[in-house]
Amino acid sequence: PELGPLVQDLDAVYVNFISGFEMNLDTAQ
């Protein structure tokens, strides 16, 4: 619910797991 609205206008997303706790598997799916 936080991330979804923020990516709608983007062309690409770069994800880097710096802490390993940035998102869980459900959010990634």
PDB file of all heavy atoms in Angstrom:
ATOM      1  N   PRO A   1       0.804  -1.222   0.000  1.00  0.00           N
ATOM      2  CA  PRO A   1       0.000   0.000   0.000  1.00  0.00           C
ATOM      3  C   PRO A   1       0.842   1.279   0.000  1.00  0.00           C
ATOM      4  O   PRO A   1       0.429   2.293  -0.560  1.00  0.00           O
ATOM      5  CB  PRO A   1      -0.825  -0.124   1.286  1.00  0.00           C
ATOM      6  CG  PRO A   1      -0.963  -1.595   1.493  1.00  0.00           C
ATOM      7  CD  PRO A   1       0.366  -2.162   1.057  1.00  0.00           C
ATOM      8  N   GLU A   2       2.031   1.247   0.598  1.00  0.00           N
ATOM      9  CA  GLU A   2       2.940   2.393   0.555  1.00  0.00           C
ATOM     10  C   GLU A   2       3.606   2.514  -0.808  1.00  0.00           C
ATOM     11  O   GLU A   2       3.678   3.604  -1.399  1.00  0.00           O
ATOM     12  CB  GLU A   2       4.049   2.252   1.603  1.00  0.00           C
ATOM     13  CG  GLU A   2       3.630   2.338   3.042  1.00  0.00           C
ATOM     14  CD  GLU A   2       4.812   2.065   3.964  1.00  0.00           C
ATOM     15  OE1 GLU A   2       5.552   1.089   3.733  1.00  0.00           O
ATOM     16  OE2 GLU A   2       4.982   2.844   4.916  1.00  0.00           O
ATOM     17  N   LEU A   3       4.125   1.399  -1.293  1.00  0.00           N
ATOM     18  CA  LEU A   3       4.982   1.418  -2.471  1.00  0.00           C
ATOM     19  C   LEU A   3       4.199   1.504  -3.779  1.00  0.00           C
ATOM     20  O   LEU A   3       4.620   2.188  -4.715  1.00  0.00           O
ATOM     21  CB  LEU A   3       5.853   0.158  -2.474  1.00  0.00           C
ATOM     22  CG  LEU A   3       6.973   0.058  -3.502  1.00  0.00           C
ATOM     23  CD1 LEU A   3       7.964   1.207  -3.354  1.00  0.00           C
ATOM     24  CD2 LEU A   3       7.691  -1.289  -3.363  1.00  0.00           C
ATOM     25  N   GLY A   4       3.063   0.820  -3.832  1.00  0.00           N
ATOM     26  CA  GLY A   4       2.314   0.731  -5.080  1.00  0.00           C
ATOM     27  C   GLY A   4       2.024   2.059  -5.745  1.00  0.00           C
ATOM     28  O   GLY A   4       2.317   2.243  -6.940  1.00  0.00           O
ATOM     29  N   PRO A   5       1.458   3.043  -5.022  1.00  0.00           N
ATOM     30  CA  PRO A   5       1.159   4.320  -5.675  1.00  0.00           C
ATOM     31  C   PRO A   5       2.398   5.058  -6.167  1.00  0.00           C
ATOM     32  O   PRO A   5       2.312   5.854  -7.106  1.00  0.00           O
ATOM     33  CB  PRO A   5       0.450   5.120  -4.558  1.00  0.00           C
ATOM     34  CG  PRO A   5      -0.071   4.094  -3.617  1.00  0.00           C
ATOM     35  CD  PRO A   5       0.938   2.982  -3.647  1.00  0.00           C
ATOM     36  N   LEU A   6       3.564   4.801  -5.555  1.00  0.00           N
ATOM     37  CA  LEU A   6       4.774   5.537  -5.896  1.00  0.00           C
ATOM     38  C   LEU A   6       5.453   5.032  -7.161  1.00  0.00           C
ATOM     39  O   LEU A   6       6.253   5.740  -7.767  1.00  0.00           O
ATOM     40  CB  LEU A   6       5.767   5.475  -4.728  1.00  0.00           C
ATOM     41  CG  LEU A   6       5.276   6.089  -3.406  1.00  0.00           C
ATOM     42  CD1 LEU A   6       6.320   5.915  -2.318  1.00  0.00           C
ATOM     43  CD2 LEU A   6       4.930   7.566  -3.579  1.00  0.00           C
ATOM     44  N   VAL A   7       5.158   3.790  -7.563  1.00  0.00           N
ATOM     45  CA  VAL A   7       5.826   3.243  -8.743  1.00  0.00           C
ATOM     46  C   VAL A   7       4.985   3.360 -10.012  1.00  0.00           C
ATOM     47  O   VAL A   7       5.484   3.052 -11.108  1.00  0.00           O
ATOM     48  CB  VAL A   7       6.218   1.761  -8.532  1.00  0.00           C
ATOM     49  CG1 VAL A   7       7.145   1.610  -7.332  1.00  0.00           C
ATOM     50  CG2 VAL A   7       4.992   0.872  -8.370  1.00  0.00           C
ATOM     51  N   GLN A   8       3.747   3.810  -9.888  1.00  0.00           N
ATOM     52  CA  GLN A   8       2.843   3.793 -11.035  1.00  0.00           C
ATOM     53  C   GLN A   8       3.331   4.637 -12.206  1.00  0.00           C
ATOM     54  O   GLN A   8       3.085   4.300 -13.368  1.00  0.00           O
ATOM     55  CB  GLN A   8       1.445   4.253 -10.607  1.00  0.00           C
ATOM     56  CG  GLN A   8       0.757   3.306  -9.639  1.00  0.00           C
ATOM     57  CD  GLN A   8       0.720   1.871 -10.134  1.00  0.00           C
ATOM     58  OE1 GLN A   8       0.305   1.602 -11.264  1.00  0.00           O
ATOM     59  NE2 GLN A   8       1.191   0.939  -9.312  1.00  0.00           N
ATOM     60  N   ASP A   9       4.017   5.742 -11.938  1.00  0.00           N
ATOM     61  CA  ASP A   9       4.447   6.637 -13.016  1.00  0.00           C
ATOM     62  C   ASP A   9       5.885   6.381 -13.459  1.00  0.00           C
ATOM     63  O   ASP A   9       6.435   7.160 -14.249  1.00  0.00           O
ATOM     64  CB  ASP A   9       4.309   8.096 -12.567  1.00  0.00           C
ATOM     65  CG  ASP A   9       2.862   8.497 -12.327  1.00  0.00           C
ATOM     66  OD1 ASP A   9       1.982   7.887 -12.963  1.00  0.00           O
ATOM     67  OD2 ASP A   9       2.623   9.392 -11.512  1.00  0.00           O
ATOM     68  N   LEU A  10       6.508   5.320 -12.956  1.00  0.00           N
ATOM     69  CA  LEU A  10       7.907   5.061 -13.275  1.00  0.00           C
ATOM     70  C   LEU A  10       8.041   4.165 -14.497  1.00  0.00           C
ATOM     71  O   LEU A  10       7.130   3.427 -14.845  1.00  0.00           O
ATOM     72  CB  LEU A  10       8.605   4.409 -12.073  1.00  0.00           C
ATOM     73  CG  LEU A  10       8.538   5.182 -10.748  1.00  0.00           C
ATOM     74  CD1 LEU A  10       9.315   4.425  -9.668  1.00  0.00           C
ATOM     75  CD2 LEU A  10       9.060   6.599 -10.901  1.00  0.00           C
ATOM     76  N   ASP A  11       9.195   4.244 -15.155  1.00  0.00           N
ATOM     77  CA  ASP A  11       9.491   3.395 -16.303  1.00  0.00           C
ATOM     78  C   ASP A  11      10.268   2.149 -15.907  1.00  0.00           C
ATOM     79  O   ASP A  11      10.230   1.128 -16.603  1.00  0.00           O
ATOM     80  CB  ASP A  11      10.305   4.181 -17.339  1.00  0.00           C
ATOM     81  CG  ASP A  11       9.528   5.375 -17.867  1.00  0.00           C
ATOM     82  OD1 ASP A  11       8.510   5.158 -18.545  1.00  0.00           O
ATOM     83  OD2 ASP A  11       9.930   6.513 -17.582  1.00  0.00           O
ATOM     84  N   ALA A  12      11.013   2.221 -14.809  1.00  0.00           N
ATOM     85  CA  ALA A  12      11.831   1.103 -14.352  1.00  0.00           C
ATOM     86  C   ALA A  12      12.070   1.271 -12.857  1.00  0.00           C
ATOM     87  O   ALA A  12      11.985   2.383 -12.325  1.00  0.00           O
ATOM     88  CB  ALA A  12      13.162   1.055 -15.103  1.00  0.00           C
ATOM     89  N   VAL A  13      12.375   0.169 -12.198  1.00  0.00           N
ATOM     90  CA  VAL A  13      12.657   0.188 -10.753  1.00  0.00           C
ATOM     91  C   VAL A  13      13.961  -0.565 -10.506  1.00  0.00           C
ATOM     92  O   VAL A  13      14.148  -1.681 -11.000  1.00  0.00           O
ATOM     93  CB  VAL A  13      11.514  -0.458  -9.943  1.00  0.00           C
ATOM     94  CG1 VAL A  13      11.891  -0.540  -8.457  1.00  0.00           C
ATOM     95  CG2 VAL A  13      10.218   0.331 -10.108  1.00  0.00           C
ATOM     96  N   TYR A  14      14.864   0.070  -9.758  1.00  0.00           N
ATOM     97  CA  TYR A  14      16.099  -0.566  -9.311  1.00  0.00           C
ATOM     98  C   TYR A  14      15.951  -0.850  -7.820  1.00  0.00           C
ATOM     99  O   TYR A  14      15.729   0.075  -7.028  1.00  0.00           O
ATOM    100  CB  TYR A  14      17.294   0.355  -9.574  1.00  0.00           C
ATOM    101  CG  TYR A  14      18.595  -0.126  -8.958  1.00  0.00           C
ATOM    102  CD1 TYR A  14      19.389  -1.066  -9.619  1.00  0.00           C
ATOM    103  CD2 TYR A  14      19.024   0.350  -7.727  1.00  0.00           C
ATOM    104  CE1 TYR A  14      20.578  -1.514  -9.048  1.00  0.00           C
ATOM    105  CE2 TYR A  14      20.212  -0.095  -7.157  1.00  0.00           C
ATOM    106  CZ  TYR A  14      20.976  -1.024  -7.818  1.00  0.00           C
ATOM    107  OH  TYR A  14      22.146  -1.472  -7.264  1.00  0.00           O
ATOM    108  N   VAL A  15      16.032  -2.119  -7.420  1.00  0.00           N
ATOM    109  CA  VAL A  15      15.848  -2.548  -6.029  1.00  0.00           C
ATOM    110  C   VAL A  15      17.186  -3.052  -5.503  1.00  0.00           C
ATOM    111  O   VAL A  15      17.822  -3.903  -6.138  1.00  0.00           O
ATOM    112  CB  VAL A  15      14.798  -3.671  -5.926  1.00  0.00           C
ATOM    113  CG1 VAL A  15      14.611  -4.096  -4.466  1.00  0.00           C
ATOM    114  CG2 VAL A  15      13.468  -3.240  -6.526  1.00  0.00           C
ATOM    115  N   ASN A  16      17.600  -2.547  -4.345  1.00  0.00           N
ATOM    116  CA  ASN A  16      18.840  -3.003  -3.738  1.00  0.00           C
ATOM    117  C   ASN A  16      18.570  -3.339  -2.277  1.00  0.00           C
ATOM    118  O   ASN A  16      18.186  -2.469  -1.503  1.00  0.00           O
ATOM    119  CB  ASN A  16      19.918  -1.919  -3.858  1.00  0.00           C
ATOM    120  CG  ASN A  16      21.313  -2.450  -3.555  1.00  0.00           C
ATOM    121  OD1 ASN A  16      21.476  -3.326  -2.716  1.00  0.00           O
ATOM    122  ND2 ASN A  16      22.312  -1.899  -4.231  1.00  0.00           N
ATOM    123  N   PHE A  17      18.774  -4.606  -1.926  1.00  0.00           N
ATOM    124  CA  PHE A  17      18.534  -5.049  -0.551  1.00  0.00           C
ATOM    125  C   PHE A  17      19.783  -4.764   0.286  1.00  0.00           C
ATOM    126  O   PHE A  17      20.645  -5.609   0.462  1.00  0.00           O
ATOM    127  CB  PHE A  17      18.156  -6.526  -0.530  1.00  0.00           C
ATOM    128  CG  PHE A  17      16.773  -6.794  -1.042  1.00  0.00           C
ATOM    129  CD1 PHE A  17      16.556  -7.022  -2.392  1.00  0.00           C
ATOM    130  CD2 PHE A  17      15.677  -6.776  -0.190  1.00  0.00           C
ATOM    131  CE1 PHE A  17      15.279  -7.255  -2.880  1.00  0.00           C
ATOM    132  CE2 PHE A  17      14.393  -6.993  -0.659  1.00  0.00           C
ATOM    133  CZ  PHE A  17      14.190  -7.235  -2.011  1.00  0.00           C
ATOM    134  N   ILE A  18      19.832  -3.545   0.801  1.00  0.00           N
ATOM    135  CA  ILE A  18      20.977  -3.093   1.586  1.00  0.00           C
ATOM    136  C   ILE A  18      20.929  -3.673   2.991  1.00  0.00           C
ATOM    137  O   ILE A  18      21.931  -4.152   3.526  1.00  0.00           O
ATOM    138  CB  ILE A  18      21.017  -1.559   1.639  1.00  0.00           C
ATOM    139  CG1 ILE A  18      21.194  -0.975   0.233  1.00  0.00           C
ATOM    140  CG2 ILE A  18      22.126  -1.072   2.569  1.00  0.00           C
ATOM    141  CD1 ILE A  18      22.475  -1.360  -0.441  1.00  0.00           C
ATOM    142  N   SER A  19      19.771  -3.639   3.633  1.00  0.00           N
ATOM    143  CA  SER A  19      19.620  -4.230   4.958  1.00  0.00           C
ATOM    144  C   SER A  19      19.104  -5.666   4.880  1.00  0.00           C
ATOM    145  O   SER A  19      19.317  -6.461   5.784  1.00  0.00           O
ATOM    146  CB  SER A  19      18.651  -3.401   5.811  1.00  0.00           C
ATOM    147  OG  SER A  19      17.316  -3.546   5.344  1.00  0.00           O
ATOM    148  N   GLY A  20      18.413  -5.981   3.792  1.00  0.00           N
ATOM    149  CA  GLY A  20      17.739  -7.265   3.680  1.00  0.00           C
ATOM    150  C   GLY A  20      16.325  -7.234   4.209  1.00  0.00           C
ATOM    151  O   GLY A  20      15.588  -8.221   4.097  1.00  0.00           O
ATOM    152  N   PHE A  21      15.930  -6.095   4.773  1.00  0.00           N
ATOM    153  CA  PHE A  21      14.587  -5.953   5.341  1.00  0.00           C
ATOM    154  C   PHE A  21      13.776  -4.885   4.612  1.00  0.00           C
ATOM    155  O   PHE A  21      12.796  -4.365   5.138  1.00  0.00           O
ATOM    156  CB  PHE A  21      14.683  -5.613   6.832  1.00  0.00           C
ATOM    157  CG  PHE A  21      15.510  -6.603   7.613  1.00  0.00           C
ATOM    158  CD1 PHE A  21      16.765  -6.255   8.094  1.00  0.00           C
ATOM    159  CD2 PHE A  21      15.051  -7.885   7.835  1.00  0.00           C
ATOM    160  CE1 PHE A  21      17.534  -7.167   8.804  1.00  0.00           C
ATOM    161  CE2 PHE A  21      15.819  -8.810   8.542  1.00  0.00           C
ATOM    162  CZ  PHE A  21      17.066  -8.449   9.027  1.00  0.00           C
ATOM    163  N   GLU A  22      14.179  -4.550   3.386  1.00  0.00           N
ATOM    164  CA  GLU A  22      13.483  -3.496   2.638  1.00  0.00           C
ATOM    165  C   GLU A  22      12.045  -3.873   2.306  1.00  0.00           C
ATOM    166  O   GLU A  22      11.168  -3.011   2.282  1.00  0.00           O
ATOM    167  CB  GLU A  22      14.237  -3.173   1.346  1.00  0.00           C
ATOM    168  CG  GLU A  22      15.459  -2.288   1.527  1.00  0.00           C
ATOM    169  CD  GLU A  22      16.658  -3.015   2.102  1.00  0.00           C
ATOM    170  OE1 GLU A  22      16.617  -4.267   2.212  1.00  0.00           O
ATOM    171  OE2 GLU A  22      17.644  -2.343   2.445  1.00  0.00           O
ATOM    172  N   MET A  23      11.792  -5.141   2.016  1.00  0.00           N
ATOM    173  CA  MET A  23      10.434  -5.625   1.757  1.00  0.00           C
ATOM    174  C   MET A  23      10.425  -7.130   1.945  1.00  0.00           C
ATOM    175  O   MET A  23      11.463  -7.786   1.824  1.00  0.00           O
ATOM    176  CB  MET A  23       9.960  -5.258   0.348  1.00  0.00           C
ATOM    177  CG  MET A  23      10.696  -5.950  -0.782  1.00  0.00           C
ATOM    178  SD  MET A  23      10.067  -5.555  -2.440  1.00  0.00           S
ATOM    179  CE  MET A  23      10.717  -3.892  -2.654  1.00  0.00           C
ATOM    180  N   ASN A  24       9.238  -7.677   2.237  1.00  0.00           N
ATOM    181  CA  ASN A  24       9.141  -9.126   2.334  1.00  0.00           C
ATOM    182  C   ASN A  24       8.742  -9.710   0.987  1.00  0.00           C
ATOM    183  O   ASN A  24       8.501  -8.978   0.017  1.00  0.00           O
ATOM    184  CB  ASN A  24       8.178  -9.538   3.456  1.00  0.00           C
ATOM    185  CG  ASN A  24       6.755  -9.052   3.233  1.00  0.00           C
ATOM    186  OD1 ASN A  24       6.329  -8.806   2.095  1.00  0.00           O
ATOM    187  ND2 ASN A  24       5.994  -8.914   4.308  1.00  0.00           N
ATOM    188  N   LEU A  25       8.672 -11.038   0.921  1.00  0.00           N
ATOM    189  CA  LEU A  25       8.396 -11.700  -0.354  1.00  0.00           C
ATOM    190  C   LEU A  25       7.009 -11.343  -0.872  1.00  0.00           C
ATOM    191  O   LEU A  25       6.824 -11.167  -2.083  1.00  0.00           O
ATOM    192  CB  LEU A  25       8.539 -13.210  -0.186  1.00  0.00           C
ATOM    193  CG  LEU A  25       8.259 -14.074  -1.427  1.00  0.00           C
ATOM    194  CD1 LEU A  25       9.120 -13.647  -2.607  1.00  0.00           C
ATOM    195  CD2 LEU A  25       8.485 -15.551  -1.104  1.00  0.00           C
ATOM    196  N   ASP A  26       6.022 -11.230  -0.001  1.00  0.00           N
ATOM    197  CA  ASP A  26       4.674 -10.866  -0.451  1.00  0.00           C
ATOM    198  C   ASP A  26       4.683  -9.514  -1.164  1.00  0.00           C
ATOM    199  O   ASP A  26       4.055  -9.351  -2.218  1.00  0.00           O
ATOM    200  CB  ASP A  26       3.704 -10.815   0.731  1.00  0.00           C
ATOM    201  CG  ASP A  26       3.357 -12.202   1.261  1.00  0.00           C
ATOM    202  OD1 ASP A  26       3.591 -13.183   0.537  1.00  0.00           O
ATOM    203  OD2 ASP A  26       2.869 -12.289   2.407  1.00  0.00           O
ATOM    204  N   THR A  27       5.402  -8.536  -0.602  1.00  0.00           N
ATOM    205  CA  THR A  27       5.468  -7.212  -1.225  1.00  0.00           C
ATOM    206  C   THR A  27       6.208  -7.279  -2.556  1.00  0.00           C
ATOM    207  O   THR A  27       5.817  -6.637  -3.537  1.00  0.00           O
ATOM    208  CB  THR A  27       6.153  -6.214  -0.279  1.00  0.00           C
ATOM    209  OG1 THR A  27       5.407  -6.140   0.947  1.00  0.00           O
ATOM    210  CG2 THR A  27       6.231  -4.828  -0.894  1.00  0.00           C
ATOM    211  N   ALA A  28       7.287  -8.075  -2.610  1.00  0.00           N
ATOM    212  CA  ALA A  28       8.021  -8.224  -3.871  1.00  0.00           C
ATOM    213  C   ALA A  28       7.132  -8.848  -4.949  1.00  0.00           C
ATOM    214  O   ALA A  28       7.165  -8.432  -6.116  1.00  0.00           O
ATOM    215  CB  ALA A  28       9.267  -9.079  -3.648  1.00  0.00           C
ATOM    216  N   GLN A  29       6.313  -9.814  -4.580  1.00  0.00           N
ATOM    217  CA  GLN A  29       5.404 -10.426  -5.557  1.00  0.00           C
ATOM    218  C   GLN A  29       4.344  -9.435  -6.023  1.00  0.00           C
ATOM    219  O   GLN A  29       3.974  -9.408  -7.202  1.00  0.00           O
ATOM    220  CB  GLN A  29       4.750 -11.668  -4.946  1.00  0.00           C
ATOM    221  CG  GLN A  29       5.719 -12.829  -4.761  1.00  0.00           C
ATOM    222  CD  GLN A  29       5.069 -14.016  -4.089  1.00  0.00           C
ATOM    223  OE1 GLN A  29       4.482 -13.906  -3.022  1.00  0.00           O
ATOM    224  NE2 GLN A  29       5.170 -15.180  -4.731  1.00  0.00           N
TER     225      GLN A  29
END
